[in-house]
Amino acid sequence: MVSIFRRKLNIAIANLQTNLNSIEKWTHKWRLKINQNKSTHVTFTLRKENIPQLYFNNSIIPQAETVKYLGLHFDKRLNWKQYITKTRKHLNLKARELYWILGRH
């Protein structure tokens, strides 16, 4: 017996693949080229199940655990741990750059 989650996942993947195929036809018609090296596929879920592959221009869209979009880092569990870590590192570097003006105290 297939779980409700797996059934809904299969429906979502089928709908997504149908839309990717439509985009592929549209880009081919208008002679646009999509940079496939910058494309990734992240499924946002708390479950640890395997997600079926997605295809664009007959090549697999690689799956990733995290993705950066408009400066924000999203992981598959939608927590902000990686974003907060990277932001703290960035702010610590900026604070060190200001030490010569402010001094350590």
N, C-alpha and C. Protein backbone atom coordinates (compact mmCIF):
# COMPACT_ATOMS: atom_id res chain seq x y z
N MET A 1 0.84 -1.19 0.00
CA MET A 1 0.00 0.00 0.00
C MET A 1 0.88 1.25 0.00
N VAL A 2 0.61 2.15 -0.90
CA VAL A 2 1.38 3.37 -1.02
C VAL A 2 0.84 4.40 -0.03
N SER A 3 1.75 5.05 0.70
CA SER A 3 1.32 6.04 1.68
C SER A 3 0.74 7.27 0.98
N ILE A 4 -0.03 8.02 1.73
CA ILE A 4 -0.63 9.24 1.20
C ILE A 4 0.46 10.22 0.79
N PHE A 5 1.52 10.30 1.61
CA PHE A 5 2.63 11.20 1.29
C PHE A 5 3.26 10.83 -0.04
N ARG A 6 3.53 9.55 -0.25
CA ARG A 6 4.17 9.09 -1.48
C ARG A 6 3.28 9.37 -2.70
N ARG A 7 1.95 9.16 -2.55
CA ARG A 7 1.03 9.44 -3.64
C ARG A 7 1.03 10.93 -4.01
N LYS A 8 0.97 11.78 -2.97
CA LYS A 8 0.98 13.23 -3.22
C LYS A 8 2.32 13.68 -3.79
N LEU A 9 3.39 13.04 -3.33
CA LEU A 9 4.71 13.37 -3.86
C LEU A 9 4.80 13.01 -5.34
N ASN A 10 4.30 11.85 -5.71
CA ASN A 10 4.32 11.45 -7.12
C ASN A 10 3.50 12.38 -7.99
N ILE A 11 2.36 12.83 -7.47
CA ILE A 11 1.53 13.78 -8.22
C ILE A 11 2.26 15.11 -8.39
N ALA A 12 2.91 15.58 -7.31
CA ALA A 12 3.64 16.85 -7.37
C ALA A 12 4.81 16.76 -8.35
N ILE A 13 5.55 15.64 -8.32
CA ILE A 13 6.68 15.46 -9.24
C ILE A 13 6.19 15.40 -10.68
N ALA A 14 5.08 14.71 -10.93
CA ALA A 14 4.53 14.63 -12.29
C ALA A 14 4.10 16.01 -12.79
N ASN A 15 3.45 16.79 -11.93
CA ASN A 15 3.05 18.15 -12.31
C ASN A 15 4.27 19.03 -12.58
N LEU A 16 5.28 18.91 -11.74
CA LEU A 16 6.49 19.70 -11.92
C LEU A 16 7.21 19.33 -13.22
N GLN A 17 7.29 18.03 -13.51
CA GLN A 17 7.95 17.59 -14.74
C GLN A 17 7.18 18.05 -15.97
N THR A 18 5.84 18.04 -15.89
CA THR A 18 5.01 18.55 -17.00
C THR A 18 5.30 20.02 -17.25
N ASN A 19 5.40 20.81 -16.18
CA ASN A 19 5.70 22.23 -16.34
C ASN A 19 7.12 22.46 -16.84
N LEU A 20 8.06 21.65 -16.39
CA LEU A 20 9.43 21.76 -16.92
C LEU A 20 9.47 21.46 -18.41
N ASN A 21 8.70 20.47 -18.84
CA ASN A 21 8.63 20.15 -20.27
C ASN A 21 8.04 21.31 -21.07
N SER A 22 7.03 21.97 -20.49
CA SER A 22 6.44 23.14 -21.17
C SER A 22 7.45 24.28 -21.27
N ILE A 23 8.21 24.50 -20.21
CA ILE A 23 9.24 25.54 -20.24
C ILE A 23 10.31 25.20 -21.26
N GLU A 24 10.67 23.92 -21.32
CA GLU A 24 11.66 23.47 -22.29
C GLU A 24 11.20 23.75 -23.73
N LYS A 25 9.93 23.46 -24.04
CA LYS A 25 9.40 23.73 -25.37
C LYS A 25 9.39 25.23 -25.66
N TRP A 26 9.01 26.04 -24.67
CA TRP A 26 8.94 27.47 -24.84
C TRP A 26 10.33 28.05 -25.09
N THR A 27 11.33 27.61 -24.31
CA THR A 27 12.69 28.13 -24.52
C THR A 27 13.25 27.70 -25.87
N HIS A 28 12.90 26.49 -26.29
CA HIS A 28 13.35 26.04 -27.62
C HIS A 28 12.70 26.87 -28.72
N LYS A 29 11.41 27.16 -28.57
CA LYS A 29 10.68 27.95 -29.57
C LYS A 29 11.28 29.35 -29.71
N TRP A 30 11.63 29.97 -28.58
CA TRP A 30 12.14 31.34 -28.60
C TRP A 30 13.67 31.39 -28.61
N ARG A 31 14.30 30.23 -28.78
CA ARG A 31 15.76 30.11 -28.89
C ARG A 31 16.49 30.72 -27.70
N LEU A 32 15.96 30.44 -26.52
CA LEU A 32 16.62 30.85 -25.29
C LEU A 32 17.38 29.67 -24.72
N LYS A 33 18.50 29.94 -24.10
CA LYS A 33 19.30 28.88 -23.52
C LYS A 33 19.31 29.03 -22.01
N ILE A 34 18.98 27.96 -21.31
CA ILE A 34 18.99 27.93 -19.85
C ILE A 34 20.33 27.38 -19.41
N ASN A 35 20.98 28.05 -18.46
CA ASN A 35 22.24 27.57 -17.93
C ASN A 35 21.95 26.44 -16.95
N GLN A 36 22.15 25.22 -17.38
CA GLN A 36 21.83 24.07 -16.55
C GLN A 36 22.82 23.89 -15.42
N ASN A 37 24.00 24.49 -15.51
CA ASN A 37 24.97 24.38 -14.43
C ASN A 37 24.52 25.14 -13.19
N LYS A 38 23.63 26.10 -13.35
CA LYS A 38 23.15 26.89 -12.22
C LYS A 38 21.81 26.38 -11.68
N SER A 39 21.30 25.32 -12.26
CA SER A 39 20.00 24.80 -11.84
C SER A 39 20.17 23.69 -10.82
N THR A 40 19.38 23.75 -9.76
CA THR A 40 19.37 22.69 -8.76
C THR A 40 17.93 22.42 -8.35
N HIS A 41 17.74 21.28 -7.77
CA HIS A 41 16.42 20.84 -7.33
C HIS A 41 16.47 20.55 -5.84
N VAL A 42 15.68 21.28 -5.06
CA VAL A 42 15.60 21.06 -3.63
C VAL A 42 14.15 20.75 -3.29
N THR A 43 13.93 19.65 -2.60
CA THR A 43 12.60 19.30 -2.13
C THR A 43 12.53 19.64 -0.65
N PHE A 44 11.65 20.57 -0.31
CA PHE A 44 11.53 21.01 1.07
C PHE A 44 10.62 20.04 1.82
N THR A 45 11.23 19.27 2.72
CA THR A 45 10.49 18.28 3.49
C THR A 45 11.27 17.91 4.74
N LEU A 46 10.57 17.39 5.72
CA LEU A 46 11.21 16.87 6.92
C LEU A 46 11.46 15.37 6.81
N ARG A 47 10.91 14.74 5.81
CA ARG A 47 11.06 13.29 5.62
C ARG A 47 12.38 12.97 4.95
N LYS A 48 12.81 11.73 5.14
CA LYS A 48 14.09 11.29 4.59
C LYS A 48 13.91 10.34 3.42
N GLU A 49 12.83 10.47 2.70
CA GLU A 49 12.56 9.57 1.57
C GLU A 49 13.29 10.05 0.33
N ASN A 50 13.57 9.13 -0.58
CA ASN A 50 14.20 9.47 -1.84
C ASN A 50 13.19 10.17 -2.75
N ILE A 51 13.64 11.20 -3.41
CA ILE A 51 12.79 11.98 -4.29
C ILE A 51 13.15 11.61 -5.73
N PRO A 52 12.15 11.38 -6.58
CA PRO A 52 12.45 11.05 -7.99
C PRO A 52 13.20 12.18 -8.70
N GLN A 53 13.95 11.81 -9.72
CA GLN A 53 14.73 12.77 -10.49
C GLN A 53 13.83 13.62 -11.38
N LEU A 54 14.27 14.85 -11.64
CA LEU A 54 13.61 15.73 -12.59
C LEU A 54 14.56 15.96 -13.75
N TYR A 55 13.99 16.17 -14.95
CA TYR A 55 14.79 16.32 -16.16
C TYR A 55 14.46 17.63 -16.87
N PHE A 56 15.50 18.23 -17.45
CA PHE A 56 15.33 19.41 -18.29
C PHE A 56 16.31 19.29 -19.45
N ASN A 57 15.83 19.40 -20.66
CA ASN A 57 16.63 19.20 -21.87
C ASN A 57 17.35 17.85 -21.85
N ASN A 58 16.62 16.83 -21.45
CA ASN A 58 17.12 15.45 -21.40
C ASN A 58 18.31 15.24 -20.48
N SER A 59 18.51 16.11 -19.52
CA SER A 59 19.56 15.90 -18.52
C SER A 59 18.95 16.06 -17.13
N ILE A 60 19.53 15.35 -16.19
CA ILE A 60 19.02 15.35 -14.83
C ILE A 60 19.33 16.68 -14.16
N ILE A 61 18.34 17.23 -13.47
CA ILE A 61 18.55 18.41 -12.65
C ILE A 61 19.11 17.91 -11.32
N PRO A 62 20.32 18.33 -10.94
CA PRO A 62 20.92 17.79 -9.72
C PRO A 62 20.15 18.21 -8.47
N GLN A 63 20.04 17.27 -7.53
CA GLN A 63 19.40 17.56 -6.26
C GLN A 63 20.43 18.14 -5.31
N ALA A 64 20.00 19.04 -4.46
CA ALA A 64 20.89 19.67 -3.49
C ALA A 64 20.20 19.72 -2.14
N GLU A 65 21.00 19.83 -1.10
CA GLU A 65 20.47 19.97 0.25
C GLU A 65 20.11 21.42 0.55
N THR A 66 20.87 22.35 -0.05
CA THR A 66 20.64 23.77 0.18
C THR A 66 20.67 24.51 -1.15
N VAL A 67 20.11 25.70 -1.15
CA VAL A 67 20.12 26.55 -2.33
C VAL A 67 20.19 28.00 -1.86
N LYS A 68 20.91 28.82 -2.62
CA LYS A 68 20.98 30.25 -2.33
C LYS A 68 20.10 30.97 -3.33
N TYR A 69 19.16 31.76 -2.83
CA TYR A 69 18.23 32.48 -3.70
C TYR A 69 18.07 33.89 -3.15
N LEU A 70 18.42 34.86 -3.96
CA LEU A 70 18.34 36.28 -3.58
C LEU A 70 19.06 36.57 -2.27
N GLY A 71 20.21 35.92 -2.09
CA GLY A 71 21.02 36.17 -0.90
C GLY A 71 20.63 35.37 0.32
N LEU A 72 19.54 34.63 0.25
CA LEU A 72 19.11 33.81 1.38
C LEU A 72 19.47 32.36 1.11
N HIS A 73 19.90 31.66 2.15
CA HIS A 73 20.25 30.25 2.03
C HIS A 73 19.10 29.42 2.59
N PHE A 74 18.51 28.58 1.75
CA PHE A 74 17.42 27.70 2.16
C PHE A 74 17.94 26.27 2.18
N ASP A 75 17.62 25.53 3.23
CA ASP A 75 17.94 24.11 3.22
C ASP A 75 16.65 23.33 3.12
N LYS A 76 16.78 22.02 2.91
CA LYS A 76 15.59 21.22 2.62
C LYS A 76 14.63 21.14 3.80
N ARG A 77 15.09 21.44 5.00
CA ARG A 77 14.21 21.43 6.17
C ARG A 77 13.66 22.81 6.50
N LEU A 78 14.05 23.79 5.72
CA LEU A 78 13.61 25.19 5.88
C LEU A 78 13.91 25.75 7.26
N ASN A 79 15.08 25.40 7.79
CA ASN A 79 15.53 26.10 8.99
C ASN A 79 16.58 27.11 8.55
N TRP A 80 16.93 28.02 9.38
CA TRP A 80 17.80 29.13 9.00
C TRP A 80 19.22 28.94 9.50
N LYS A 81 19.61 27.73 9.88
CA LYS A 81 20.92 27.48 10.49
C LYS A 81 22.07 27.91 9.58
N GLN A 82 22.07 27.48 8.33
CA GLN A 82 23.17 27.83 7.42
C GLN A 82 23.19 29.32 7.14
N TYR A 83 22.04 29.93 6.96
CA TYR A 83 21.98 31.37 6.69
C TYR A 83 22.52 32.16 7.88
N ILE A 84 22.14 31.78 9.08
CA ILE A 84 22.60 32.47 10.29
C ILE A 84 24.11 32.30 10.44
N THR A 85 24.61 31.09 10.20
CA THR A 85 26.05 30.85 10.30
C THR A 85 26.83 31.70 9.32
N LYS A 86 26.41 31.74 8.08
CA LYS A 86 27.11 32.55 7.07
C LYS A 86 27.02 34.04 7.38
N THR A 87 25.88 34.50 7.87
CA THR A 87 25.71 35.91 8.21
C THR A 87 26.60 36.28 9.39
N ARG A 88 26.69 35.40 10.40
CA ARG A 88 27.57 35.67 11.55
C ARG A 88 29.03 35.75 11.12
N LYS A 89 29.47 34.85 10.25
CA LYS A 89 30.85 34.89 9.75
C LYS A 89 31.12 36.20 9.03
N HIS A 90 30.16 36.61 8.20
CA HIS A 90 30.31 37.85 7.44
C HIS A 90 30.39 39.05 8.40
N LEU A 91 29.54 39.10 9.40
CA LEU A 91 29.55 40.21 10.35
C LEU A 91 30.81 40.21 11.20
N ASN A 92 31.32 39.04 11.56
CA ASN A 92 32.57 38.98 12.32
C ASN A 92 33.74 39.52 11.49
N LEU A 93 33.76 39.21 10.18
CA LEU A 93 34.80 39.77 9.32
C LEU A 93 34.71 41.29 9.23
N LYS A 94 33.50 41.81 9.12
CA LYS A 94 33.32 43.26 9.04
C LYS A 94 33.72 43.93 10.36
N ALA A 95 33.42 43.28 11.49
CA ALA A 95 33.80 43.83 12.79
C ALA A 95 35.32 43.87 12.92
N ARG A 96 36.02 42.84 12.46
CA ARG A 96 37.48 42.83 12.50
C ARG A 96 38.07 43.93 11.64
N GLU A 97 37.42 44.23 10.53
CA GLU A 97 37.91 45.31 9.68
C GLU A 97 37.79 46.67 10.35
N LEU A 98 36.85 46.80 11.28
CA LEU A 98 36.64 48.07 11.97
C LEU A 98 37.47 48.21 13.25
N TYR A 99 38.20 47.16 13.65
CA TYR A 99 38.99 47.24 14.88
C TYR A 99 40.01 48.38 14.86
N TRP A 100 40.58 48.65 13.70
CA TRP A 100 41.59 49.70 13.64
C TRP A 100 40.99 51.09 13.91
N ILE A 101 39.69 51.25 13.67
CA ILE A 101 39.03 52.52 13.97
C ILE A 101 38.55 52.55 15.41
N LEU A 102 37.87 51.49 15.83
CA LEU A 102 37.23 51.47 17.13
C LEU A 102 38.15 51.03 18.26
N GLY A 103 39.15 50.24 17.96
CA GLY A 103 39.99 49.65 19.00
C GLY A 103 39.25 48.44 19.57
N ARG A 104 39.93 47.67 20.36
CA ARG A 104 39.32 46.46 20.89
C ARG A 104 38.36 46.75 22.04
N HIS A 105 38.46 47.90 22.67
CA HIS A 105 37.62 48.17 23.83
C HIS A 105 36.51 49.09 23.44
